[in-house]
Amino acid sequence: MIKLFNDDCLNVMNNNIHFQKAIINRKVIIVTDPPFNIGYHYGKYKDNMKESDYYNFLDEVLGSYDFVVVHYPEALYKLAEQIGRFPNKVVSWVYNSNTAKQHRDIAFFGVTPDFRQVTQPYKNPNDKRIKKLMEEGKTGGRLYDWWNVNQVKNTSKDKTKHPCQMPQEIMNNIIGILPKDENLIVIDPFMGSGTTGIACQKYGVDFIGIEIDENYFDICCERLLK
């Protein structure tokens, strides 16, 4: 099940009857890469709130749910203080870029990820123990909590017109290590280019995406509803 809303996320989450019906009696986890409040040039959304207003806003969107959020480390400390909760687990996402910031963190609030559910290539394929595992048909080891994944560049084949598109591998990893639950539904209130939804499609997880910008929403529809 996929439901997409082109509207302000708080309006949908607080007032939309179709949204409310979709999450009744479901295990809800928000998974999102929100605007970072650093003056980024989005289309409709203005990324320049007062700091206190910004964390109040995130609290209102996320605070009553279990959630997974991608953000800079210092922002996650402030968010945890704001909502009075602390993450169950934090993963570091590192990348090589021409900016001062070279990594972000992924914090799991109220969610305990299972890293055994997603594999990665073995680090030492020539090790005799690893060779034995490969001979037995194993293709990789459990995922670690340190993900070295390049950002989506303008030259990337899957680049859309969204200015800060999330790498698909990052969202695939996040959705892949969520606790298994047939009743699970994932919500992304800042859907962007729809990367979270594509990861949910990969793993057969029901998804609700909300995006305020009409142009970005059209990108999501094209990617998710084709």
N, C-alpha and C. Protein backbone atom coordinates (compact mmCIF):
# COMPACT_ATOMS: atom_id res chain seq x y z
N MET A 1 0.83 -1.19 0.00
CA MET A 1 0.00 0.00 0.00
C MET A 1 0.87 1.24 0.00
N ILE A 2 0.61 2.14 -0.94
CA ILE A 2 1.31 3.42 -1.00
C ILE A 2 0.27 4.53 -1.04
N LYS A 3 0.39 5.50 -0.15
CA LYS A 3 -0.45 6.69 -0.18
C LYS A 3 0.46 7.91 -0.20
N LEU A 4 0.21 8.84 -1.12
CA LEU A 4 1.02 10.04 -1.25
C LEU A 4 0.14 11.27 -1.09
N PHE A 5 0.64 12.25 -0.32
CA PHE A 5 -0.10 13.48 -0.06
C PHE A 5 0.75 14.68 -0.44
N ASN A 6 0.19 15.58 -1.23
CA ASN A 6 0.86 16.83 -1.60
C ASN A 6 0.30 17.95 -0.72
N ASP A 7 0.91 18.12 0.46
CA ASP A 7 0.38 19.07 1.43
C ASP A 7 1.42 19.26 2.53
N ASP A 8 1.17 20.21 3.40
CA ASP A 8 1.98 20.39 4.60
C ASP A 8 1.83 19.16 5.49
N CYS A 9 2.94 18.64 6.01
CA CYS A 9 2.89 17.38 6.74
C CYS A 9 2.03 17.46 8.00
N LEU A 10 2.08 18.58 8.72
CA LEU A 10 1.28 18.69 9.93
C LEU A 10 -0.20 18.75 9.61
N ASN A 11 -0.55 19.39 8.52
CA ASN A 11 -1.95 19.43 8.12
C ASN A 11 -2.46 18.02 7.82
N VAL A 12 -1.65 17.23 7.09
CA VAL A 12 -2.05 15.86 6.78
C VAL A 12 -2.13 15.02 8.04
N MET A 13 -1.10 15.07 8.87
CA MET A 13 -1.02 14.19 10.03
C MET A 13 -2.04 14.52 11.10
N ASN A 14 -2.43 15.80 11.17
CA ASN A 14 -3.36 16.21 12.21
C ASN A 14 -4.82 16.27 11.75
N ASN A 15 -5.03 16.46 10.44
CA ASN A 15 -6.38 16.78 9.99
C ASN A 15 -6.93 15.91 8.88
N ASN A 16 -6.10 15.11 8.22
CA ASN A 16 -6.56 14.38 7.05
C ASN A 16 -7.17 13.03 7.46
N ILE A 17 -8.45 12.84 7.16
CA ILE A 17 -9.15 11.64 7.59
C ILE A 17 -8.59 10.39 6.90
N HIS A 18 -8.14 10.53 5.64
CA HIS A 18 -7.60 9.37 4.93
C HIS A 18 -6.28 8.92 5.55
N PHE A 19 -5.49 9.89 6.01
CA PHE A 19 -4.25 9.55 6.72
C PHE A 19 -4.57 8.82 8.01
N GLN A 20 -5.50 9.36 8.78
CA GLN A 20 -5.84 8.76 10.06
C GLN A 20 -6.36 7.34 9.90
N LYS A 21 -7.19 7.12 8.89
CA LYS A 21 -7.72 5.77 8.67
C LYS A 21 -6.61 4.79 8.29
N ALA A 22 -5.61 5.29 7.54
CA ALA A 22 -4.53 4.41 7.06
C ALA A 22 -3.65 3.91 8.18
N ILE A 23 -3.55 4.66 9.29
CA ILE A 23 -2.62 4.26 10.35
C ILE A 23 -3.31 3.64 11.56
N ILE A 24 -4.64 3.53 11.52
CA ILE A 24 -5.36 2.93 12.65
C ILE A 24 -4.89 1.48 12.84
N ASN A 25 -4.56 1.16 14.07
CA ASN A 25 -4.15 -0.20 14.45
C ASN A 25 -2.91 -0.68 13.71
N ARG A 26 -2.07 0.25 13.28
CA ARG A 26 -0.83 -0.12 12.59
C ARG A 26 0.37 0.18 13.48
N LYS A 27 1.48 -0.51 13.23
CA LYS A 27 2.77 -0.20 13.84
C LYS A 27 3.41 0.88 12.99
N VAL A 28 3.40 2.11 13.48
CA VAL A 28 3.85 3.27 12.70
C VAL A 28 5.29 3.63 13.07
N ILE A 29 6.13 3.75 12.05
CA ILE A 29 7.48 4.29 12.24
C ILE A 29 7.70 5.36 11.19
N ILE A 30 8.08 6.55 11.63
CA ILE A 30 8.47 7.61 10.70
C ILE A 30 9.93 7.39 10.32
N VAL A 31 10.21 7.45 9.03
CA VAL A 31 11.60 7.38 8.53
C VAL A 31 11.78 8.58 7.61
N THR A 32 12.72 9.48 7.96
CA THR A 32 12.81 10.70 7.17
C THR A 32 14.18 11.35 7.23
N ASP A 33 14.44 12.10 6.19
CA ASP A 33 15.61 12.99 6.08
C ASP A 33 15.04 14.40 5.97
N PRO A 34 14.82 15.07 7.11
CA PRO A 34 14.09 16.34 7.08
C PRO A 34 14.95 17.49 6.57
N PRO A 35 14.33 18.62 6.23
CA PRO A 35 15.12 19.83 5.97
C PRO A 35 15.99 20.13 7.18
N PHE A 36 17.21 20.59 6.95
CA PHE A 36 18.19 20.75 8.03
C PHE A 36 18.21 22.15 8.64
N ASN A 37 17.38 23.04 8.13
CA ASN A 37 17.32 24.42 8.65
C ASN A 37 18.67 25.13 8.52
N ILE A 38 19.28 24.98 7.33
CA ILE A 38 20.58 25.61 7.08
C ILE A 38 20.51 26.56 5.87
N GLY A 39 19.28 27.00 5.56
CA GLY A 39 19.12 27.95 4.48
C GLY A 39 19.25 27.34 3.09
N TYR A 40 18.90 26.05 2.99
CA TYR A 40 19.02 25.38 1.69
C TYR A 40 17.94 25.90 0.74
N HIS A 41 18.23 25.89 -0.53
CA HIS A 41 17.31 26.45 -1.53
C HIS A 41 16.37 25.37 -2.06
N TYR A 42 15.30 25.14 -1.31
CA TYR A 42 14.24 24.27 -1.79
C TYR A 42 13.28 25.09 -2.64
N GLY A 43 12.23 24.43 -3.13
CA GLY A 43 11.24 25.15 -3.92
C GLY A 43 10.29 25.94 -3.03
N LYS A 44 9.29 25.24 -2.46
CA LYS A 44 8.24 25.90 -1.67
C LYS A 44 8.63 26.09 -0.21
N TYR A 45 9.36 25.14 0.35
CA TYR A 45 9.69 25.19 1.77
C TYR A 45 10.83 26.17 2.04
N LYS A 46 10.68 26.99 3.08
CA LYS A 46 11.70 27.96 3.48
C LYS A 46 12.52 27.37 4.62
N ASP A 47 13.79 27.12 4.34
CA ASP A 47 14.67 26.37 5.25
C ASP A 47 15.44 27.30 6.19
N ASN A 48 14.73 28.19 6.85
CA ASN A 48 15.43 29.19 7.68
C ASN A 48 14.60 29.63 8.88
N MET A 49 14.11 28.69 9.65
CA MET A 49 13.38 29.00 10.87
C MET A 49 14.34 29.46 11.98
N LYS A 50 13.80 30.14 12.97
CA LYS A 50 14.55 30.33 14.22
C LYS A 50 14.85 28.95 14.79
N GLU A 51 16.02 28.80 15.42
CA GLU A 51 16.41 27.48 15.89
C GLU A 51 15.37 26.88 16.83
N SER A 52 14.85 27.66 17.76
CA SER A 52 13.87 27.13 18.70
C SER A 52 12.60 26.70 17.98
N ASP A 53 12.19 27.48 16.98
CA ASP A 53 10.99 27.11 16.21
C ASP A 53 11.22 25.82 15.42
N TYR A 54 12.44 25.66 14.91
CA TYR A 54 12.75 24.47 14.12
C TYR A 54 12.63 23.20 14.96
N TYR A 55 13.20 23.19 16.16
CA TYR A 55 13.14 21.99 16.99
C TYR A 55 11.74 21.76 17.55
N ASN A 56 11.01 22.83 17.79
CA ASN A 56 9.59 22.67 18.15
C ASN A 56 8.82 22.02 17.01
N PHE A 57 9.15 22.43 15.77
CA PHE A 57 8.50 21.88 14.59
C PHE A 57 8.81 20.39 14.46
N LEU A 58 10.08 20.00 14.57
CA LEU A 58 10.43 18.59 14.49
C LEU A 58 9.77 17.79 15.61
N ASP A 59 9.70 18.37 16.79
CA ASP A 59 9.04 17.71 17.92
C ASP A 59 7.58 17.45 17.59
N GLU A 60 6.92 18.44 16.99
CA GLU A 60 5.50 18.29 16.66
C GLU A 60 5.29 17.22 15.59
N VAL A 61 6.20 17.13 14.63
CA VAL A 61 6.07 16.15 13.56
C VAL A 61 6.43 14.75 14.04
N LEU A 62 7.52 14.63 14.80
CA LEU A 62 8.09 13.32 15.12
C LEU A 62 7.79 12.82 16.52
N GLY A 63 7.63 13.74 17.45
CA GLY A 63 7.74 13.41 18.87
C GLY A 63 6.80 12.36 19.40
N SER A 64 5.61 12.21 18.82
CA SER A 64 4.64 11.25 19.36
C SER A 64 4.75 9.87 18.70
N TYR A 65 5.71 9.70 17.81
CA TYR A 65 5.90 8.45 17.09
C TYR A 65 7.27 7.84 17.41
N ASP A 66 7.44 6.56 17.12
CA ASP A 66 8.78 6.01 16.97
C ASP A 66 9.29 6.48 15.62
N PHE A 67 10.58 6.80 15.53
CA PHE A 67 11.05 7.36 14.27
C PHE A 67 12.53 7.12 14.07
N VAL A 68 12.92 7.19 12.79
CA VAL A 68 14.31 7.14 12.37
C VAL A 68 14.57 8.41 11.58
N VAL A 69 15.60 9.16 11.97
CA VAL A 69 15.85 10.45 11.33
C VAL A 69 17.32 10.57 10.95
N VAL A 70 17.54 11.11 9.75
CA VAL A 70 18.89 11.38 9.26
C VAL A 70 19.18 12.86 9.48
N HIS A 71 20.30 13.15 10.16
CA HIS A 71 20.61 14.56 10.44
C HIS A 71 22.08 14.68 10.83
N TYR A 72 22.54 15.91 10.97
CA TYR A 72 23.88 16.13 11.49
C TYR A 72 23.92 15.81 12.98
N PRO A 73 25.04 15.31 13.49
CA PRO A 73 25.10 14.84 14.89
C PRO A 73 24.66 15.89 15.90
N GLU A 74 25.13 17.12 15.76
CA GLU A 74 24.78 18.14 16.75
C GLU A 74 23.28 18.40 16.78
N ALA A 75 22.63 18.30 15.61
CA ALA A 75 21.18 18.50 15.55
C ALA A 75 20.44 17.37 16.26
N LEU A 76 20.98 16.15 16.17
CA LEU A 76 20.33 15.03 16.83
C LEU A 76 20.43 15.15 18.35
N TYR A 77 21.53 15.68 18.85
CA TYR A 77 21.63 15.94 20.30
C TYR A 77 20.54 16.93 20.73
N LYS A 78 20.39 17.99 19.97
CA LYS A 78 19.40 19.01 20.30
C LYS A 78 17.98 18.48 20.19
N LEU A 79 17.75 17.64 19.17
CA LEU A 79 16.43 17.05 19.01
C LEU A 79 16.10 16.13 20.17
N ALA A 80 17.07 15.31 20.59
CA ALA A 80 16.84 14.41 21.72
C ALA A 80 16.51 15.20 22.99
N GLU A 81 17.22 16.29 23.20
CA GLU A 81 16.92 17.14 24.37
C GLU A 81 15.53 17.74 24.26
N GLN A 82 15.17 18.18 23.07
CA GLN A 82 13.88 18.81 22.84
C GLN A 82 12.73 17.85 23.16
N ILE A 83 12.82 16.62 22.68
CA ILE A 83 11.69 15.70 22.84
C ILE A 83 11.79 14.87 24.11
N GLY A 84 12.92 14.96 24.82
CA GLY A 84 13.08 14.22 26.07
C GLY A 84 13.21 12.72 25.88
N ARG A 85 13.74 12.31 24.72
CA ARG A 85 13.97 10.89 24.43
C ARG A 85 15.36 10.73 23.84
N PHE A 86 15.90 9.53 23.96
CA PHE A 86 17.24 9.28 23.46
C PHE A 86 17.21 8.10 22.50
N PRO A 87 18.05 8.10 21.48
CA PRO A 87 18.00 7.04 20.48
C PRO A 87 18.37 5.68 21.03
N ASN A 88 17.71 4.65 20.50
CA ASN A 88 18.10 3.27 20.81
C ASN A 88 19.42 2.91 20.16
N LYS A 89 19.65 3.51 18.97
CA LYS A 89 20.85 3.20 18.20
C LYS A 89 21.15 4.36 17.27
N VAL A 90 22.44 4.60 17.01
CA VAL A 90 22.87 5.62 16.05
C VAL A 90 23.86 4.99 15.08
N VAL A 91 23.62 5.24 13.79
CA VAL A 91 24.49 4.79 12.72
C VAL A 91 25.16 6.00 12.10
N SER A 92 26.41 5.90 11.73
CA SER A 92 27.09 6.98 11.03
C SER A 92 27.12 6.71 9.53
N TRP A 93 26.72 7.72 8.78
CA TRP A 93 26.80 7.68 7.32
C TRP A 93 27.92 8.64 6.89
N VAL A 94 28.98 8.11 6.31
CA VAL A 94 30.13 8.92 5.91
C VAL A 94 30.22 8.98 4.40
N TYR A 95 30.75 10.09 3.90
CA TYR A 95 30.87 10.29 2.45
C TYR A 95 32.00 11.27 2.18
N ASN A 96 32.54 11.18 1.00
CA ASN A 96 33.62 12.07 0.58
C ASN A 96 33.01 13.21 -0.23
N SER A 97 33.11 14.43 0.28
CA SER A 97 32.53 15.57 -0.42
C SER A 97 33.48 16.76 -0.34
N ASN A 98 33.15 17.82 -1.05
CA ASN A 98 33.96 19.04 -1.03
C ASN A 98 33.41 20.05 -0.03
N THR A 99 32.80 19.56 1.03
CA THR A 99 32.25 20.43 2.07
C THR A 99 32.92 20.11 3.40
N ALA A 100 32.73 21.01 4.36
CA ALA A 100 33.34 20.80 5.67
C ALA A 100 32.73 19.62 6.40
N LYS A 101 31.46 19.35 6.13
CA LYS A 101 30.78 18.23 6.79
C LYS A 101 30.93 16.98 5.94
N GLN A 102 31.46 15.92 6.53
CA GLN A 102 31.75 14.69 5.81
C GLN A 102 30.91 13.50 6.30
N HIS A 103 29.98 13.75 7.22
CA HIS A 103 29.13 12.65 7.65
C HIS A 103 27.86 13.16 8.30
N ARG A 104 26.87 12.30 8.31
CA ARG A 104 25.63 12.52 9.04
C ARG A 104 25.37 11.28 9.89
N ASP A 105 24.48 11.44 10.86
CA ASP A 105 24.10 10.29 11.68
C ASP A 105 22.66 9.91 11.41
N ILE A 106 22.34 8.67 11.68
CA ILE A 106 21.00 8.13 11.52
C ILE A 106 20.58 7.59 12.88
N ALA A 107 19.60 8.24 13.50
CA ALA A 107 19.22 7.92 14.87
C ALA A 107 17.88 7.18 14.89
N PHE A 108 17.84 6.08 15.64
CA PHE A 108 16.65 5.24 15.76
C PHE A 108 16.01 5.51 17.13
N PHE A 109 14.93 6.25 17.15
CA PHE A 109 14.23 6.60 18.39
C PHE A 109 13.05 5.64 18.59
N GLY A 110 13.09 4.86 19.66
CA GLY A 110 12.03 3.89 19.92
C GLY A 110 12.06 2.70 18.99
N VAL A 111 13.12 2.58 18.22
CA VAL A 111 13.26 1.52 17.23
C VAL A 111 14.60 0.83 17.46
N THR A 112 14.57 -0.49 17.54
CA THR A 112 15.81 -1.27 17.68
C THR A 112 16.08 -2.00 16.37
N PRO A 113 17.03 -1.52 15.57
CA PRO A 113 17.28 -2.14 14.27
C PRO A 113 17.96 -3.50 14.42
N ASP A 114 17.74 -4.35 13.42
CA ASP A 114 18.38 -5.67 13.38
C ASP A 114 19.33 -5.70 12.19
N PHE A 115 20.62 -5.55 12.46
CA PHE A 115 21.64 -5.44 11.41
C PHE A 115 21.86 -6.76 10.67
N ARG A 116 21.33 -7.86 11.19
CA ARG A 116 21.48 -9.15 10.53
C ARG A 116 20.59 -9.26 9.30
N GLN A 117 19.62 -8.36 9.18
CA GLN A 117 18.63 -8.47 8.10
C GLN A 117 19.14 -7.93 6.77
N VAL A 118 20.24 -7.19 6.78
CA VAL A 118 20.85 -6.67 5.55
C VAL A 118 22.31 -7.09 5.54
N THR A 119 22.77 -7.64 4.44
CA THR A 119 24.16 -8.08 4.36
C THR A 119 25.00 -7.10 3.55
N GLN A 120 26.30 -7.19 3.73
CA GLN A 120 27.26 -6.42 2.96
C GLN A 120 28.37 -7.38 2.52
N PRO A 121 29.12 -7.04 1.47
CA PRO A 121 30.19 -7.94 1.01
C PRO A 121 31.20 -8.21 2.12
N TYR A 122 31.72 -9.41 2.15
CA TYR A 122 32.73 -9.74 3.16
C TYR A 122 33.96 -8.86 2.98
N LYS A 123 34.55 -8.45 4.10
CA LYS A 123 35.71 -7.57 4.07
C LYS A 123 36.99 -8.32 3.67
N ASN A 124 37.08 -9.59 4.06
CA ASN A 124 38.30 -10.37 3.81
C ASN A 124 37.95 -11.67 3.09
N PRO A 125 37.62 -11.60 1.80
CA PRO A 125 37.18 -12.80 1.08
C PRO A 125 38.24 -13.88 0.97
N ASN A 126 39.50 -13.54 1.20
CA ASN A 126 40.57 -14.55 1.12
C ASN A 126 40.81 -15.26 2.45
N ASP A 127 40.18 -14.77 3.51
CA ASP A 127 40.29 -15.45 4.80
C ASP A 127 39.64 -16.84 4.69
N LYS A 128 40.30 -17.87 5.24
CA LYS A 128 39.81 -19.23 5.05
C LYS A 128 38.43 -19.44 5.67
N ARG A 129 38.16 -18.71 6.77
CA ARG A 129 36.83 -18.83 7.38
C ARG A 129 35.77 -18.23 6.47
N ILE A 130 36.11 -17.08 5.85
CA ILE A 130 35.17 -16.44 4.93
C ILE A 130 34.99 -17.31 3.67
N LYS A 131 36.07 -17.90 3.19
CA LYS A 131 35.98 -18.79 2.03
C LYS A 131 35.02 -19.94 2.31
N LYS A 132 35.09 -20.48 3.53
CA LYS A 132 34.20 -21.58 3.89
C LYS A 132 32.75 -21.12 3.87
N LEU A 133 32.50 -19.93 4.40
CA LEU A 133 31.13 -19.39 4.39
C LEU A 133 30.63 -19.20 2.96
N MET A 134 31.51 -18.71 2.09
CA MET A 134 31.12 -18.49 0.70
C MET A 134 30.86 -19.82 -0.01
N GLU A 135 31.64 -20.84 0.33
CA GLU A 135 31.41 -22.16 -0.24
C GLU A 135 30.06 -22.73 0.20
N GLU A 136 29.61 -22.29 1.38
CA GLU A 136 28.31 -22.74 1.89
C GLU A 136 27.16 -21.92 1.31
N GLY A 137 27.49 -20.96 0.44
CA GLY A 137 26.44 -20.17 -0.21
C GLY A 137 26.18 -18.82 0.41
N LYS A 138 26.91 -18.45 1.48
CA LYS A 138 26.74 -17.16 2.09
C LYS A 138 27.31 -16.08 1.16
N THR A 139 26.60 -14.96 1.04
CA THR A 139 27.03 -13.90 0.12
C THR A 139 27.60 -12.67 0.81
N GLY A 140 27.48 -12.60 2.12
CA GLY A 140 28.01 -11.44 2.83
C GLY A 140 27.74 -11.52 4.31
N GLY A 141 28.31 -10.56 5.06
CA GLY A 141 28.13 -10.51 6.50
C GLY A 141 27.08 -9.49 6.88
N ARG A 142 26.75 -9.47 8.14
CA ARG A 142 25.76 -8.52 8.65
C ARG A 142 26.22 -7.09 8.45
N LEU A 143 25.27 -6.21 8.34
CA LEU A 143 25.58 -4.79 8.17
C LEU A 143 26.19 -4.23 9.44
N TYR A 144 27.13 -3.28 9.29
CA TYR A 144 27.73 -2.60 10.43
C TYR A 144 27.02 -1.26 10.68
N ASP A 145 27.49 -0.54 11.69
CA ASP A 145 26.86 0.75 12.01
C ASP A 145 27.66 1.93 11.45
N TRP A 146 28.43 1.67 10.39
CA TRP A 146 29.27 2.69 9.74
C TRP A 146 29.10 2.50 8.24
N TRP A 147 28.33 3.41 7.60
CA TRP A 147 27.98 3.23 6.20
C TRP A 147 28.72 4.25 5.34
N ASN A 148 29.62 3.77 4.52
CA ASN A 148 30.38 4.64 3.62
C ASN A 148 29.68 4.63 2.25
N VAL A 149 28.86 5.65 2.01
CA VAL A 149 28.03 5.70 0.80
C VAL A 149 28.13 7.11 0.21
N ASN A 150 28.46 7.19 -1.06
CA ASN A 150 28.56 8.49 -1.71
C ASN A 150 27.22 9.21 -1.76
N GLN A 151 27.27 10.54 -1.69
CA GLN A 151 26.07 11.33 -1.92
C GLN A 151 25.63 11.21 -3.38
N VAL A 152 24.38 11.59 -3.64
CA VAL A 152 23.89 11.59 -5.01
C VAL A 152 24.40 12.86 -5.69
N LYS A 153 25.24 12.68 -6.69
CA LYS A 153 25.82 13.81 -7.41
C LYS A 153 24.99 14.14 -8.65
N ASN A 154 25.26 15.29 -9.25
CA ASN A 154 24.55 15.67 -10.48
C ASN A 154 24.81 14.69 -11.62
N THR A 155 25.93 13.97 -11.54
CA THR A 155 26.27 13.01 -12.59
C THR A 155 25.72 11.61 -12.31
N SER A 156 25.08 11.42 -11.15
CA SER A 156 24.55 10.11 -10.81
C SER A 156 23.39 9.75 -11.74
N LYS A 157 23.33 8.49 -12.15
CA LYS A 157 22.33 8.08 -13.14
C LYS A 157 20.90 8.19 -12.61
N ASP A 158 20.72 8.10 -11.28
CA ASP A 158 19.38 8.17 -10.72
C ASP A 158 19.05 9.55 -10.15
N LYS A 159 19.85 10.57 -10.48
CA LYS A 159 19.62 11.92 -9.97
C LYS A 159 18.34 12.50 -10.54
N THR A 160 17.51 13.06 -9.64
CA THR A 160 16.29 13.76 -10.05
C THR A 160 16.53 15.26 -9.93
N LYS A 161 15.47 16.04 -10.10
CA LYS A 161 15.59 17.50 -9.98
C LYS A 161 15.51 17.97 -8.53
N HIS A 162 15.36 17.04 -7.60
CA HIS A 162 15.39 17.44 -6.19
C HIS A 162 16.82 17.81 -5.82
N PRO A 163 17.02 18.93 -5.11
CA PRO A 163 18.38 19.44 -4.89
C PRO A 163 19.24 18.63 -3.93
N CYS A 164 18.65 17.87 -3.04
CA CYS A 164 19.48 17.10 -2.08
C CYS A 164 18.90 15.70 -1.92
N GLN A 165 18.98 14.95 -2.95
CA GLN A 165 18.41 13.61 -3.00
C GLN A 165 19.19 12.63 -2.11
N MET A 166 18.46 11.83 -1.35
CA MET A 166 19.06 10.84 -0.48
C MET A 166 19.52 9.63 -1.28
N PRO A 167 20.74 9.12 -1.03
CA PRO A 167 21.17 7.90 -1.73
C PRO A 167 20.22 6.73 -1.44
N GLN A 168 19.89 5.99 -2.49
CA GLN A 168 18.96 4.88 -2.32
C GLN A 168 19.51 3.82 -1.37
N GLU A 169 20.82 3.59 -1.40
CA GLU A 169 21.41 2.57 -0.53
C GLU A 169 21.19 2.89 0.94
N ILE A 170 21.23 4.17 1.30
CA ILE A 170 21.03 4.55 2.70
C ILE A 170 19.62 4.19 3.15
N MET A 171 18.62 4.58 2.36
CA MET A 171 17.24 4.28 2.74
C MET A 171 16.95 2.78 2.65
N ASN A 172 17.56 2.09 1.68
CA ASN A 172 17.39 0.64 1.63
C ASN A 172 17.90 -0.01 2.91
N ASN A 173 19.06 0.46 3.38
CA ASN A 173 19.62 -0.09 4.62
C ASN A 173 18.69 0.17 5.81
N ILE A 174 18.20 1.41 5.90
CA ILE A 174 17.34 1.77 7.04
C ILE A 174 16.08 0.92 7.06
N ILE A 175 15.37 0.87 5.95
CA ILE A 175 14.13 0.09 5.91
C ILE A 175 14.43 -1.39 6.10
N GLY A 176 15.55 -1.85 5.55
CA GLY A 176 15.90 -3.26 5.64
C GLY A 176 16.18 -3.75 7.04
N ILE A 177 16.65 -2.86 7.94
CA ILE A 177 16.99 -3.29 9.30
C ILE A 177 15.91 -2.93 10.33
N LEU A 178 14.77 -2.39 9.87
CA LEU A 178 13.68 -2.15 10.81
C LEU A 178 13.16 -3.49 11.34
N PRO A 179 12.66 -3.51 12.57
CA PRO A 179 12.10 -4.75 13.12
C PRO A 179 11.00 -5.30 12.21
N LYS A 180 11.02 -6.60 11.98
CA LYS A 180 10.01 -7.23 11.15
C LYS A 180 8.65 -7.20 11.84
N ASP A 181 7.66 -6.70 11.13
CA ASP A 181 6.31 -6.62 11.68
C ASP A 181 5.34 -6.51 10.50
N GLU A 182 4.46 -7.50 10.35
CA GLU A 182 3.52 -7.49 9.24
C GLU A 182 2.57 -6.30 9.32
N ASN A 183 2.45 -5.70 10.49
CA ASN A 183 1.54 -4.57 10.69
C ASN A 183 2.24 -3.22 10.51
N LEU A 184 3.50 -3.24 10.07
CA LEU A 184 4.29 -2.02 9.98
C LEU A 184 3.82 -1.12 8.83
N ILE A 185 3.78 0.17 9.09
CA ILE A 185 3.61 1.17 8.04
C ILE A 185 4.62 2.28 8.29
N VAL A 186 5.34 2.67 7.25
CA VAL A 186 6.36 3.72 7.34
C VAL A 186 5.80 5.01 6.78
N ILE A 187 6.07 6.10 7.49
CA ILE A 187 5.65 7.43 7.05
C ILE A 187 6.88 8.29 6.84
N ASP A 188 6.94 8.99 5.71
CA ASP A 188 7.96 10.01 5.49
C ASP A 188 7.26 11.35 5.30
N PRO A 189 7.27 12.23 6.33
CA PRO A 189 6.57 13.51 6.22
C PRO A 189 7.31 14.54 5.38
N PHE A 190 8.57 14.26 5.03
CA PHE A 190 9.37 15.13 4.16
C PHE A 190 9.87 14.26 3.00
N MET A 191 8.96 13.86 2.14
CA MET A 191 9.23 12.79 1.19
C MET A 191 10.30 13.13 0.16
N GLY A 192 10.47 14.41 -0.18
CA GLY A 192 11.53 14.81 -1.10
C GLY A 192 11.37 14.21 -2.47
N SER A 193 12.30 13.33 -2.84
CA SER A 193 12.25 12.68 -4.16
C SER A 193 11.69 11.26 -4.09
N GLY A 194 11.22 10.83 -2.92
CA GLY A 194 10.56 9.53 -2.81
C GLY A 194 11.46 8.36 -2.50
N THR A 195 12.70 8.61 -2.08
CA THR A 195 13.65 7.53 -1.86
C THR A 195 13.20 6.56 -0.76
N THR A 196 12.59 7.08 0.30
CA THR A 196 12.10 6.21 1.37
C THR A 196 11.02 5.26 0.83
N GLY A 197 10.14 5.80 0.00
CA GLY A 197 9.08 4.98 -0.57
C GLY A 197 9.61 3.86 -1.46
N ILE A 198 10.65 4.15 -2.24
CA ILE A 198 11.26 3.12 -3.09
C ILE A 198 11.85 2.01 -2.23
N ALA A 199 12.48 2.37 -1.12
CA ALA A 199 13.02 1.36 -0.20
C ALA A 199 11.89 0.50 0.39
N CYS A 200 10.77 1.14 0.71
CA CYS A 200 9.62 0.39 1.24
C CYS A 200 9.09 -0.57 0.18
N GLN A 201 9.04 -0.13 -1.07
CA GLN A 201 8.63 -1.03 -2.15
C GLN A 201 9.56 -2.23 -2.23
N LYS A 202 10.84 -2.00 -2.10
CA LYS A 202 11.83 -3.09 -2.18
C LYS A 202 11.56 -4.16 -1.13
N TYR A 203 11.17 -3.73 0.08
CA TYR A 203 11.00 -4.68 1.18
C TYR A 203 9.53 -5.01 1.46
N GLY A 204 8.62 -4.55 0.62
CA GLY A 204 7.21 -4.89 0.79
C GLY A 204 6.58 -4.27 2.01
N VAL A 205 6.99 -3.04 2.37
CA VAL A 205 6.48 -2.33 3.54
C VAL A 205 5.49 -1.26 3.09
N ASP A 206 4.34 -1.18 3.73
CA ASP A 206 3.37 -0.13 3.41
C ASP A 206 3.96 1.24 3.70
N PHE A 207 3.58 2.23 2.89
CA PHE A 207 4.25 3.53 2.94
C PHE A 207 3.26 4.67 2.75
N ILE A 208 3.43 5.71 3.56
CA ILE A 208 2.74 6.99 3.38
C ILE A 208 3.79 8.06 3.22
N GLY A 209 3.72 8.81 2.12
CA GLY A 209 4.66 9.90 1.88
C GLY A 209 3.93 11.23 1.78
N ILE A 210 4.52 12.26 2.38
CA ILE A 210 3.94 13.61 2.37
C ILE A 210 5.00 14.57 1.87
N GLU A 211 4.63 15.40 0.90
CA GLU A 211 5.57 16.37 0.33
C GLU A 211 4.82 17.66 0.02
N ILE A 212 5.33 18.77 0.54
CA ILE A 212 4.64 20.05 0.40
C ILE A 212 4.85 20.69 -0.96
N ASP A 213 5.97 20.41 -1.61
CA ASP A 213 6.30 21.06 -2.88
C ASP A 213 5.69 20.28 -4.05
N GLU A 214 4.96 21.00 -4.92
CA GLU A 214 4.27 20.32 -6.02
C GLU A 214 5.24 19.67 -7.00
N ASN A 215 6.34 20.34 -7.30
CA ASN A 215 7.31 19.79 -8.26
C ASN A 215 7.97 18.53 -7.71
N TYR A 216 8.36 18.55 -6.45
CA TYR A 216 8.97 17.37 -5.84
C TYR A 216 7.95 16.24 -5.73
N PHE A 217 6.70 16.62 -5.42
CA PHE A 217 5.64 15.61 -5.33
C PHE A 217 5.46 14.90 -6.67
N ASP A 218 5.53 15.65 -7.76
CA ASP A 218 5.41 15.04 -9.09
C ASP A 218 6.55 14.04 -9.34
N ILE A 219 7.76 14.38 -8.87
CA ILE A 219 8.89 13.46 -8.99
C ILE A 219 8.59 12.16 -8.24
N CYS A 220 8.04 12.29 -7.03
CA CYS A 220 7.72 11.11 -6.23
C CYS A 220 6.68 10.24 -6.94
N CYS A 221 5.67 10.88 -7.47
CA CYS A 221 4.62 10.12 -8.17
C CYS A 221 5.21 9.36 -9.35
N GLU A 222 6.10 10.01 -10.08
CA GLU A 222 6.71 9.38 -11.24
C GLU A 222 7.56 8.18 -10.82
N ARG A 223 8.26 8.31 -9.70
CA ARG A 223 9.15 7.23 -9.26
C ARG A 223 8.40 6.09 -8.56
N LEU A 224 7.33 6.42 -7.84
CA LEU A 224 6.67 5.43 -7.01
C LEU A 224 5.42 4.80 -7.63
N LEU A 225 4.79 5.52 -8.53
CA LEU A 225 3.50 5.05 -9.06
C LEU A 225 3.59 4.64 -10.52
N LYS A 226 4.81 4.40 -11.01
CA LYS A 226 4.96 4.02 -12.42
C LYS A 226 4.63 2.54 -12.62
